[in-house]
Amino acid sequence: MLNKEDRAMVSEAARGLNGADAANFESAVIARLQQLLDSGVVSGITKNHVRAACTAELSRGK
């Protein structure tokens, strides 16, 4: 689903987190994007979708 650039973007967003939190963050972002695809809200994932999912997951923890 995510290409190398998208995964790099998610990893960059998670860089301030420790190992387990970073892995959980990446999984949550991927799950959020998969939910968008499954629900039919979007037909494909763009960089803006990845950015929005990262932002939503980071703000969820605050």
PDB file of N, CA and C in Angstrom:
ATOM      1  N   MET A   1       0.823  -1.186   0.000  1.00  0.00           N
ATOM      2  CA  MET A   1       0.000   0.000   0.000  1.00  0.00           C
ATOM      3  C   MET A   1       0.875   1.261   0.000  1.00  0.00           C
ATOM      4  N   LEU A   2       1.833   1.341   0.905  1.00  0.00           N
ATOM      5  CA  LEU A   2       2.715   2.512   0.949  1.00  0.00           C
ATOM      6  C   LEU A   2       4.002   2.223   0.197  1.00  0.00           C
ATOM      7  N   ASN A   3       4.424   3.202  -0.578  1.00  0.00           N
ATOM      8  CA  ASN A   3       5.702   3.033  -1.270  1.00  0.00           C
ATOM      9  C   ASN A   3       6.840   3.476  -0.346  1.00  0.00           C
ATOM     10  N   LYS A   4       8.058   3.397  -0.866  1.00  0.00           N
ATOM     11  CA  LYS A   4       9.236   3.729  -0.059  1.00  0.00           C
ATOM     12  C   LYS A   4       9.196   5.166   0.451  1.00  0.00           C
ATOM     13  N   GLU A   5       8.790   6.084  -0.397  1.00  0.00           N
ATOM     14  CA  GLU A   5       8.744   7.498   0.002  1.00  0.00           C
ATOM     15  C   GLU A   5       7.709   7.733   1.103  1.00  0.00           C
ATOM     16  N   ASP A   6       6.557   7.075   0.962  1.00  0.00           N
ATOM     17  CA  ASP A   6       5.513   7.224   1.978  1.00  0.00           C
ATOM     18  C   ASP A   6       5.968   6.648   3.316  1.00  0.00           C
ATOM     19  N   ARG A   7       6.609   5.487   3.273  1.00  0.00           N
ATOM     20  CA  ARG A   7       7.124   4.882   4.516  1.00  0.00           C
ATOM     21  C   ARG A   7       8.192   5.782   5.154  1.00  0.00           C
ATOM     22  N   ALA A   8       9.007   6.408   4.323  1.00  0.00           N
ATOM     23  CA  ALA A   8      10.024   7.326   4.841  1.00  0.00           C
ATOM     24  C   ALA A   8       9.367   8.527   5.516  1.00  0.00           C
ATOM     25  N   MET A   9       8.260   9.000   4.948  1.00  0.00           N
ATOM     26  CA  MET A   9       7.533  10.118   5.541  1.00  0.00           C
ATOM     27  C   MET A   9       6.978   9.737   6.914  1.00  0.00           C
ATOM     28  N   VAL A  10       6.432   8.533   7.017  1.00  0.00           N
ATOM     29  CA  VAL A  10       5.892   8.055   8.294  1.00  0.00           C
ATOM     30  C   VAL A  10       7.025   7.895   9.307  1.00  0.00           C
ATOM     31  N   SER A  11       8.139   7.344   8.875  1.00  0.00           N
ATOM     32  CA  SER A  11       9.291   7.176   9.775  1.00  0.00           C
ATOM     33  C   SER A  11       9.811   8.517  10.254  1.00  0.00           C
ATOM     34  N   GLU A  12       9.843   9.499   9.378  1.00  0.00           N
ATOM     35  CA  GLU A  12      10.297  10.840   9.753  1.00  0.00           C
ATOM     36  C   GLU A  12       9.358  11.453  10.790  1.00  0.00           C
ATOM     37  N   ALA A  13       8.075  11.244  10.621  1.00  0.00           N
ATOM     38  CA  ALA A  13       7.100  11.779  11.583  1.00  0.00           C
ATOM     39  C   ALA A  13       7.248  11.103  12.948  1.00  0.00           C
ATOM     40  N   ALA A  14       7.714   9.862  12.948  1.00  0.00           N
ATOM     41  CA  ALA A  14       7.852   9.102  14.192  1.00  0.00           C
ATOM     42  C   ALA A  14       9.226   9.226  14.826  1.00  0.00           C
ATOM     43  N   ARG A  15      10.083  10.058  14.284  1.00  0.00           N
ATOM     44  CA  ARG A  15      11.480  10.068  14.741  1.00  0.00           C
ATOM     45  C   ARG A  15      11.664  10.468  16.202  1.00  0.00           C
ATOM     46  N   GLY A  16      10.748  11.207  16.792  1.00  0.00           N
ATOM     47  CA  GLY A  16      10.893  11.597  18.191  1.00  0.00           C
ATOM     48  C   GLY A  16      10.372  10.555  19.166  1.00  0.00           C
ATOM     49  N   LEU A  17       9.842   9.471  18.659  1.00  0.00           N
ATOM     50  CA  LEU A  17       9.267   8.428  19.511  1.00  0.00           C
ATOM     51  C   LEU A  17      10.282   7.322  19.761  1.00  0.00           C
ATOM     52  N   ASN A  18      10.132   6.614  20.885  1.00  0.00           N
ATOM     53  CA  ASN A  18      11.035   5.486  21.138  1.00  0.00           C
ATOM     54  C   ASN A  18      10.639   4.311  20.253  1.00  0.00           C
ATOM     55  N   GLY A  19      11.374   3.241  20.271  1.00  0.00           N
ATOM     56  CA  GLY A  19      11.181   2.113  19.369  1.00  0.00           C
ATOM     57  C   GLY A  19       9.781   1.543  19.334  1.00  0.00           C
ATOM     58  N   ALA A  20       9.235   1.204  20.492  1.00  0.00           N
ATOM     59  CA  ALA A  20       7.907   0.602  20.536  1.00  0.00           C
ATOM     60  C   ALA A  20       6.837   1.612  20.126  1.00  0.00           C
ATOM     61  N   ASP A  21       6.968   2.847  20.591  1.00  0.00           N
ATOM     62  CA  ASP A  21       5.995   3.875  20.227  1.00  0.00           C
ATOM     63  C   ASP A  21       6.051   4.180  18.737  1.00  0.00           C
ATOM     64  N   ALA A  22       7.242   4.170  18.173  1.00  0.00           N
ATOM     65  CA  ALA A  22       7.396   4.422  16.737  1.00  0.00           C
ATOM     66  C   ALA A  22       6.729   3.312  15.932  1.00  0.00           C
ATOM     67  N   ALA A  23       6.913   2.078  16.349  1.00  0.00           N
ATOM     68  CA  ALA A  23       6.292   0.955  15.646  1.00  0.00           C
ATOM     69  C   ALA A  23       4.770   1.024  15.762  1.00  0.00           C
ATOM     70  N   ASN A  24       4.272   1.368  16.949  1.00  0.00           N
ATOM     71  CA  ASN A  24       2.829   1.515  17.141  1.00  0.00           C
ATOM     72  C   ASN A  24       2.277   2.658  16.295  1.00  0.00           C
ATOM     73  N   PHE A  25       3.029   3.749  16.227  1.00  0.00           N
ATOM     74  CA  PHE A  25       2.627   4.896  15.420  1.00  0.00           C
ATOM     75  C   PHE A  25       2.521   4.503  13.945  1.00  0.00           C
ATOM     76  N   GLU A  26       3.539   3.829  13.439  1.00  0.00           N
ATOM     77  CA  GLU A  26       3.535   3.419  12.035  1.00  0.00           C
ATOM     78  C   GLU A  26       2.361   2.485  11.752  1.00  0.00           C
ATOM     79  N   SER A  27       2.094   1.568  12.659  1.00  0.00           N
ATOM     80  CA  SER A  27       0.960   0.654  12.485  1.00  0.00           C
ATOM     81  C   SER A  27      -0.364   1.410  12.499  1.00  0.00           C
ATOM     82  N   ALA A  28      -0.485   2.390  13.380  1.00  0.00           N
ATOM     83  CA  ALA A  28      -1.721   3.169  13.472  1.00  0.00           C
ATOM     84  C   ALA A  28      -1.951   4.001  12.221  1.00  0.00           C
ATOM     85  N   VAL A  29      -0.879   4.564  11.682  1.00  0.00           N
ATOM     86  CA  VAL A  29      -0.996   5.355  10.448  1.00  0.00           C
ATOM     87  C   VAL A  29      -1.438   4.452   9.301  1.00  0.00           C
ATOM     88  N   ILE A  30      -0.818   3.299   9.182  1.00  0.00           N
ATOM     89  CA  ILE A  30      -1.175   2.365   8.110  1.00  0.00           C
ATOM     90  C   ILE A  30      -2.625   1.903   8.279  1.00  0.00           C
ATOM     91  N   ALA A  31      -3.041   1.633   9.504  1.00  0.00           N
ATOM     92  CA  ALA A  31      -4.425   1.210   9.755  1.00  0.00           C
ATOM     93  C   ALA A  31      -5.409   2.314   9.381  1.00  0.00           C
ATOM     94  N   ARG A  32      -5.063   3.539   9.715  1.00  0.00           N
ATOM     95  CA  ARG A  32      -5.928   4.682   9.378  1.00  0.00           C
ATOM     96  C   ARG A  32      -6.069   4.823   7.862  1.00  0.00           C
ATOM     97  N   LEU A  33      -4.967   4.678   7.148  1.00  0.00           N
ATOM     98  CA  LEU A  33      -5.006   4.779   5.684  1.00  0.00           C
ATOM     99  C   LEU A  33      -5.789   3.616   5.073  1.00  0.00           C
ATOM    100  N   GLN A  34      -5.605   2.430   5.632  1.00  0.00           N
ATOM    101  CA  GLN A  34      -6.345   1.269   5.132  1.00  0.00           C
ATOM    102  C   GLN A  34      -7.842   1.446   5.360  1.00  0.00           C
ATOM    103  N   GLN A  35      -8.208   2.045   6.478  1.00  0.00           N
ATOM    104  CA  GLN A  35      -9.616   2.293   6.770  1.00  0.00           C
ATOM    105  C   GLN A  35     -10.215   3.253   5.741  1.00  0.00           C
ATOM    106  N   LEU A  36      -9.455   4.271   5.349  1.00  0.00           N
ATOM    107  CA  LEU A  36      -9.921   5.189   4.307  1.00  0.00           C
ATOM    108  C   LEU A  36     -10.183   4.452   2.998  1.00  0.00           C
ATOM    109  N   LEU A  37      -9.258   3.581   2.642  1.00  0.00           N
ATOM    110  CA  LEU A  37      -9.416   2.814   1.403  1.00  0.00           C
ATOM    111  C   LEU A  37     -10.612   1.863   1.492  1.00  0.00           C
ATOM    112  N   ASP A  38     -10.721   1.147   2.592  1.00  0.00           N
ATOM    113  CA  ASP A  38     -11.785   0.158   2.755  1.00  0.00           C
ATOM    114  C   ASP A  38     -13.175   0.786   2.777  1.00  0.00           C
ATOM    115  N   SER A  39     -13.269   1.977   3.334  1.00  0.00           N
ATOM    116  CA  SER A  39     -14.573   2.636   3.435  1.00  0.00           C
ATOM    117  C   SER A  39     -14.987   3.285   2.125  1.00  0.00           C
ATOM    118  N   GLY A  40     -14.062   3.382   1.192  1.00  0.00           N
ATOM    119  CA  GLY A  40     -14.377   3.987  -0.093  1.00  0.00           C
ATOM    120  C   GLY A  40     -14.280   5.500  -0.097  1.00  0.00           C
ATOM    121  N   VAL A  41     -13.771   6.078   0.984  1.00  0.00           N
ATOM    122  CA  VAL A  41     -13.625   7.528   1.059  1.00  0.00           C
ATOM    123  C   VAL A  41     -12.624   8.006   0.013  1.00  0.00           C
ATOM    124  N   VAL A  42     -11.575   7.237  -0.186  1.00  0.00           N
ATOM    125  CA  VAL A  42     -10.572   7.551  -1.205  1.00  0.00           C
ATOM    126  C   VAL A  42     -10.330   6.302  -2.049  1.00  0.00           C
ATOM    127  N   SER A  43      -9.887   6.539  -3.271  1.00  0.00           N
ATOM    128  CA  SER A  43      -9.602   5.391  -4.145  1.00  0.00           C
ATOM    129  C   SER A  43      -8.105   5.098  -4.212  1.00  0.00           C
ATOM    130  N   GLY A  44      -7.305   6.022  -3.717  1.00  0.00           N
ATOM    131  CA  GLY A  44      -5.856   5.836  -3.688  1.00  0.00           C
ATOM    132  C   GLY A  44      -5.249   6.744  -2.637  1.00  0.00           C
ATOM    133  N   ILE A  45      -4.109   6.353  -2.134  1.00  0.00           N
ATOM    134  CA  ILE A  45      -3.433   7.117  -1.082  1.00  0.00           C
ATOM    135  C   ILE A  45      -2.428   8.080  -1.724  1.00  0.00           C
ATOM    136  N   THR A  46      -2.538   9.348  -1.339  1.00  0.00           N
ATOM    137  CA  THR A  46      -1.595  10.359  -1.810  1.00  0.00           C
ATOM    138  C   THR A  46      -0.702  10.787  -0.650  1.00  0.00           C
ATOM    139  N   LYS A  47       0.289  11.580  -0.958  1.00  0.00           N
ATOM    140  CA  LYS A  47       1.188  12.082   0.087  1.00  0.00           C
ATOM    141  C   LYS A  47       0.416  12.911   1.110  1.00  0.00           C
ATOM    142  N   ASN A  48      -0.584  13.653   0.647  1.00  0.00           N
ATOM    143  CA  ASN A  48      -1.387  14.445   1.585  1.00  0.00           C
ATOM    144  C   ASN A  48      -2.180  13.555   2.536  1.00  0.00           C
ATOM    145  N   HIS A  49      -2.641  12.405   2.070  1.00  0.00           N
ATOM    146  CA  HIS A  49      -3.325  11.469   2.955  1.00  0.00           C
ATOM    147  C   HIS A  49      -2.362  10.951   4.023  1.00  0.00           C
ATOM    148  N   VAL A  50      -1.136  10.653   3.610  1.00  0.00           N
ATOM    149  CA  VAL A  50      -0.125  10.162   4.556  1.00  0.00           C
ATOM    150  C   VAL A  50       0.178  11.239   5.590  1.00  0.00           C
ATOM    151  N   ARG A  51       0.364  12.468   5.131  1.00  0.00           N
ATOM    152  CA  ARG A  51       0.630  13.576   6.053  1.00  0.00           C
ATOM    153  C   ARG A  51      -0.512  13.756   7.043  1.00  0.00           C
ATOM    154  N   ALA A  52      -1.741  13.731   6.539  1.00  0.00           N
ATOM    155  CA  ALA A  52      -2.915  13.919   7.403  1.00  0.00           C
ATOM    156  C   ALA A  52      -3.024  12.788   8.425  1.00  0.00           C
ATOM    157  N   ALA A  53      -2.758  11.557   8.010  1.00  0.00           N
ATOM    158  CA  ALA A  53      -2.822  10.422   8.931  1.00  0.00           C
ATOM    159  C   ALA A  53      -1.751  10.548  10.007  1.00  0.00           C
ATOM    160  N   CYS A  54      -0.554  10.971   9.623  1.00  0.00           N
ATOM    161  CA  CYS A  54       0.522  11.174  10.604  1.00  0.00           C
ATOM    162  C   CYS A  54       0.137  12.255  11.606  1.00  0.00           C
ATOM    163  N   THR A  55      -0.380  13.362  11.112  1.00  0.00           N
ATOM    164  CA  THR A  55      -0.789  14.462  11.984  1.00  0.00           C
ATOM    165  C   THR A  55      -1.892  14.019  12.935  1.00  0.00           C
ATOM    166  N   ALA A  56      -2.868  13.299  12.413  1.00  0.00           N
ATOM    167  CA  ALA A  56      -3.974  12.836  13.248  1.00  0.00           C
ATOM    168  C   ALA A  56      -3.479  11.894  14.342  1.00  0.00           C
ATOM    169  N   GLU A  57      -2.587  10.994  14.001  1.00  0.00           N
ATOM    170  CA  GLU A  57      -2.068  10.052  15.004  1.00  0.00           C
ATOM    171  C   GLU A  57      -1.188  10.748  16.030  1.00  0.00           C
ATOM    172  N   LEU A  58      -0.385  11.717  15.601  1.00  0.00           N
ATOM    173  CA  LEU A  58       0.448  12.446  16.560  1.00  0.00           C
ATOM    174  C   LEU A  58      -0.403  13.290  17.503  1.00  0.00           C
ATOM    175  N   SER A  59      -1.453  13.906  16.991  1.00  0.00           N
ATOM    176  CA  SER A  59      -2.298  14.748  17.844  1.00  0.00           C
ATOM    177  C   SER A  59      -3.200  13.911  18.735  1.00  0.00           C
ATOM    178  N   ARG A  60      -3.469  12.664  18.345  1.00  0.00           N
ATOM    179  CA  ARG A  60      -4.303  11.786  19.168  1.00  0.00           C
ATOM    180  C   ARG A  60      -3.651  11.518  20.514  1.00  0.00           C
ATOM    181  N   GLY A  61      -2.339  11.482  20.557  1.00  0.00           N
ATOM    182  CA  GLY A  61      -1.622  11.181  21.787  1.00  0.00           C
ATOM    183  C   GLY A  61      -1.513  12.352  22.743  1.00  0.00           C
ATOM    184  N   LYS A  62      -1.937  13.535  22.308  1.00  0.00           N
ATOM    185  CA  LYS A  62      -1.784  14.717  23.165  1.00  0.00           C
ATOM    186  C   LYS A  62      -3.040  15.019  23.929  1.00  0.00           C
TER     187      LYS A  62
END
